[in-house]
Amino acid sequence: VQVVESGGGSVRAGGSLRLSCKASGYIVSGSCMAWFRQRPGRGRERVAIMDGRGIIDYANAVKGRFTISKDNFENILYLQMNNLEPADTAMYSCAAVDGRTCTTGFDYWGQGTQVTVSS
């Protein structure tokens, strides 16, 4: 199983980016997946999560600005990030559970993609 992120980059505050997490050897549809980030000097935090039923939850800091979604045909998890702020600067990683629910730990992790937001 591999999950590989892409789409990071450098943008100005107020800009947008869309992150992608391409899965191989793993079925995105019906599975629990999430986006995490690690900001400089801080621990890893969960940004957005979608379980196998499509139920979604966001961290308070990104609600209304970020959207998690899946393309089941392409087997990709997305994170659309709008109105980016310098505080969103982080390494973003996707994670996947080998199952439908999100009650267990994540089994697969990507290497991450860097997002840098300048003021």
C-alpha atoms as a PDB file:
ATOM      1  CA  VAL A   1       0.000   0.000   0.000  1.00  0.00           C
ATOM      2  CA  GLN A   2       1.197   3.488  -0.842  1.00  0.00           C
ATOM      3  CA  VAL A   3      -0.335   6.895  -0.320  1.00  0.00           C
ATOM      4  CA  VAL A   4       1.511   9.720  -2.049  1.00  0.00           C
ATOM      5  CA  GLU A   5       0.770  13.409  -1.547  1.00  0.00           C
ATOM      6  CA  SER A   6       1.223  16.198  -4.046  1.00  0.00           C
ATOM      7  CA  GLY A   7       0.057  19.740  -4.627  1.00  0.00           C
ATOM      8  CA  GLY A   8       1.973  21.625  -1.979  1.00  0.00           C
ATOM      9  CA  GLY A   9       3.794  24.848  -2.718  1.00  0.00           C
ATOM     10  CA  SER A  10       4.312  28.465  -1.772  1.00  0.00           C
ATOM     11  CA  VAL A  11       1.449  30.946  -1.892  1.00  0.00           C
ATOM     12  CA  ARG A  12       0.592  34.366  -0.531  1.00  0.00           C
ATOM     13  CA  ALA A  13      -1.939  34.792   2.247  1.00  0.00           C
ATOM     14  CA  GLY A  14      -5.457  34.561   0.883  1.00  0.00           C
ATOM     15  CA  GLY A  15      -4.426  32.145  -1.834  1.00  0.00           C
ATOM     16  CA  SER A  16      -5.546  28.583  -2.459  1.00  0.00           C
ATOM     17  CA  LEU A  17      -3.991  25.177  -2.963  1.00  0.00           C
ATOM     18  CA  ARG A  18      -5.398  21.732  -3.577  1.00  0.00           C
ATOM     19  CA  LEU A  19      -3.535  18.787  -2.104  1.00  0.00           C
ATOM     20  CA  SER A  20      -3.905  15.312  -3.545  1.00  0.00           C
ATOM     21  CA  CYS A  21      -3.266  11.944  -1.959  1.00  0.00           C
ATOM     22  CA  LYS A  22      -3.059   9.167  -4.529  1.00  0.00           C
ATOM     23  CA  ALA A  23      -3.551   5.675  -3.118  1.00  0.00           C
ATOM     24  CA  SER A  24      -2.264   2.454  -4.606  1.00  0.00           C
ATOM     25  CA  GLY A  25      -2.995  -0.989  -3.255  1.00  0.00           C
ATOM     26  CA  TYR A  26      -5.754   0.626  -1.203  1.00  0.00           C
ATOM     27  CA  ILE A  27      -9.380   1.500  -1.921  1.00  0.00           C
ATOM     28  CA  VAL A  28     -10.221   5.084  -1.025  1.00  0.00           C
ATOM     29  CA  SER A  29     -13.948   4.571  -1.376  1.00  0.00           C
ATOM     30  CA  GLY A  30     -15.541   3.409   1.843  1.00  0.00           C
ATOM     31  CA  SER A  31     -12.385   3.861   3.912  1.00  0.00           C
ATOM     32  CA  CYS A  32     -11.408   6.235   6.682  1.00  0.00           C
ATOM     33  CA  MET A  33      -8.801   8.759   5.563  1.00  0.00           C
ATOM     34  CA  ALA A  34      -7.493  12.010   6.947  1.00  0.00           C
ATOM     35  CA  TRP A  35      -5.152  14.934   6.425  1.00  0.00           C
ATOM     36  CA  PHE A  36      -2.664  15.892   9.109  1.00  0.00           C
ATOM     37  CA  ARG A  37      -0.172  18.704   9.334  1.00  0.00           C
ATOM     38  CA  GLN A  38       2.916  19.467  11.327  1.00  0.00           C
ATOM     39  CA  ARG A  39       3.757  23.117  11.747  1.00  0.00           C
ATOM     40  CA  PRO A  40       7.273  24.264  12.617  1.00  0.00           C
ATOM     41  CA  GLY A  41       8.011  23.627  16.281  1.00  0.00           C
ATOM     42  CA  ARG A  42       4.679  21.915  16.908  1.00  0.00           C
ATOM     43  CA  GLY A  43       3.312  18.404  17.091  1.00  0.00           C
ATOM     44  CA  ARG A  44       1.258  16.764  14.390  1.00  0.00           C
ATOM     45  CA  GLU A  45      -2.379  17.789  14.299  1.00  0.00           C
ATOM     46  CA  ARG A  46      -5.336  16.399  12.428  1.00  0.00           C
ATOM     47  CA  VAL A  47      -6.778  18.856   9.942  1.00  0.00           C
ATOM     48  CA  ALA A  48      -9.653  16.963   8.343  1.00  0.00           C
ATOM     49  CA  ILE A  49     -11.047  13.442   8.403  1.00  0.00           C
ATOM     50  CA  MET A  50     -13.596  11.507   6.375  1.00  0.00           C
ATOM     51  CA  ASP A  51     -14.827   8.098   7.445  1.00  0.00           C
ATOM     52  CA  GLY A  52     -16.053   5.305   5.213  1.00  0.00           C
ATOM     53  CA  ARG A  53     -19.620   6.612   5.299  1.00  0.00           C
ATOM     54  CA  GLY A  54     -18.535  10.073   4.184  1.00  0.00           C
ATOM     55  CA  ILE A  55     -18.887  11.704   7.564  1.00  0.00           C
ATOM     56  CA  ILE A  56     -16.439  14.595   7.836  1.00  0.00           C
ATOM     57  CA  ASP A  57     -14.856  16.569  10.635  1.00  0.00           C
ATOM     58  CA  TYR A  58     -12.474  19.519  10.552  1.00  0.00           C
ATOM     59  CA  ALA A  59     -10.140  21.137  13.014  1.00  0.00           C
ATOM     60  CA  ASN A  60     -11.594  24.426  14.271  1.00  0.00           C
ATOM     61  CA  ALA A  61      -8.694  26.355  12.776  1.00  0.00           C
ATOM     62  CA  VAL A  62      -9.597  25.349   9.218  1.00  0.00           C
ATOM     63  CA  LYS A  63     -13.403  25.132   9.301  1.00  0.00           C
ATOM     64  CA  GLY A  64     -14.950  27.119   6.502  1.00  0.00           C
ATOM     65  CA  ARG A  65     -11.649  27.323   4.602  1.00  0.00           C
ATOM     66  CA  PHE A  66     -10.603  23.714   3.934  1.00  0.00           C
ATOM     67  CA  THR A  67     -12.617  20.959   2.248  1.00  0.00           C
ATOM     68  CA  ILE A  68     -11.799  17.249   2.263  1.00  0.00           C
ATOM     69  CA  SER A  69     -13.145  15.087  -0.549  1.00  0.00           C
ATOM     70  CA  LYS A  70     -12.572  11.858  -2.410  1.00  0.00           C
ATOM     71  CA  ASP A  71     -12.493  10.933  -6.073  1.00  0.00           C
ATOM     72  CA  ASN A  72     -13.446   7.283  -5.866  1.00  0.00           C
ATOM     73  CA  PHE A  73     -12.867   6.682  -9.563  1.00  0.00           C
ATOM     74  CA  GLU A  74      -9.314   8.047  -9.484  1.00  0.00           C
ATOM     75  CA  ASN A  75      -8.723   6.682  -5.971  1.00  0.00           C
ATOM     76  CA  ILE A  76      -7.562  10.054  -4.666  1.00  0.00           C
ATOM     77  CA  LEU A  77      -8.173  11.988  -1.448  1.00  0.00           C
ATOM     78  CA  TYR A  78      -8.159  15.778  -1.791  1.00  0.00           C
ATOM     79  CA  LEU A  79      -7.789  18.728   0.512  1.00  0.00           C
ATOM     80  CA  GLN A  80      -8.944  22.015  -0.990  1.00  0.00           C
ATOM     81  CA  MET A  81      -7.441  24.874   1.003  1.00  0.00           C
ATOM     82  CA  ASN A  82      -8.813  28.370   0.499  1.00  0.00           C
ATOM     83  CA  ASN A  83      -8.053  31.704   2.134  1.00  0.00           C
ATOM     84  CA  LEU A  84      -4.720  30.390   3.348  1.00  0.00           C
ATOM     85  CA  GLU A  85      -3.002  32.070   6.279  1.00  0.00           C
ATOM     86  CA  PRO A  86       0.664  32.120   7.310  1.00  0.00           C
ATOM     87  CA  ALA A  87      -0.358  29.921  10.268  1.00  0.00           C
ATOM     88  CA  ASP A  88      -1.256  27.183   7.763  1.00  0.00           C
ATOM     89  CA  THR A  89       2.419  26.789   6.854  1.00  0.00           C
ATOM     90  CA  ALA A  90       3.201  23.128   7.554  1.00  0.00           C
ATOM     91  CA  MET A  91       4.067  19.738   6.169  1.00  0.00           C
ATOM     92  CA  TYR A  92       0.769  18.136   5.193  1.00  0.00           C
ATOM     93  CA  SER A  93       0.383  14.364   5.168  1.00  0.00           C
ATOM     94  CA  CYS A  94      -2.446  12.025   4.369  1.00  0.00           C
ATOM     95  CA  ALA A  95      -3.198   8.927   6.385  1.00  0.00           C
ATOM     96  CA  ALA A  96      -5.427   5.940   5.817  1.00  0.00           C
ATOM     97  CA  VAL A  97      -7.096   3.309   7.947  1.00  0.00           C
ATOM     98  CA  ASP A  98      -7.353  -0.249   6.772  1.00  0.00           C
ATOM     99  CA  GLY A  99     -11.097  -0.157   7.308  1.00  0.00           C
ATOM    100  CA  ARG A 100     -14.288   1.841   7.268  1.00  0.00           C
ATOM    101  CA  THR A 101     -14.289   3.439  10.690  1.00  0.00           C
ATOM    102  CA  CYS A 102     -11.880   5.919  12.205  1.00  0.00           C
ATOM    103  CA  THR A 103     -11.823   4.448  15.698  1.00  0.00           C
ATOM    104  CA  THR A 104      -8.500   2.677  15.271  1.00  0.00           C
ATOM    105  CA  GLY A 105      -5.134   4.165  14.498  1.00  0.00           C
ATOM    106  CA  PHE A 106      -3.988   4.982  10.999  1.00  0.00           C
ATOM    107  CA  ASP A 107      -2.256   2.170   9.154  1.00  0.00           C
ATOM    108  CA  TYR A 108      -0.697   4.019   6.235  1.00  0.00           C
ATOM    109  CA  TRP A 109       1.027   7.391   5.996  1.00  0.00           C
ATOM    110  CA  GLY A 110       2.390   9.420   3.145  1.00  0.00           C
ATOM    111  CA  GLN A 111       5.687  11.288   3.124  1.00  0.00           C
ATOM    112  CA  GLY A 112       4.037  14.671   3.099  1.00  0.00           C
ATOM    113  CA  THR A 113       3.910  17.773   0.944  1.00  0.00           C
ATOM    114  CA  GLN A 114       5.095  21.188   2.125  1.00  0.00           C
ATOM    115  CA  VAL A 115       2.768  24.175   2.178  1.00  0.00           C
ATOM    116  CA  THR A 116       4.251  27.610   2.787  1.00  0.00           C
ATOM    117  CA  VAL A 117       2.061  30.690   3.114  1.00  0.00           C
ATOM    118  CA  SER A 118       3.662  34.122   3.156  1.00  0.00           C
ATOM    119  CA  SER A 119       2.075  37.304   4.418  1.00  0.00           C
END
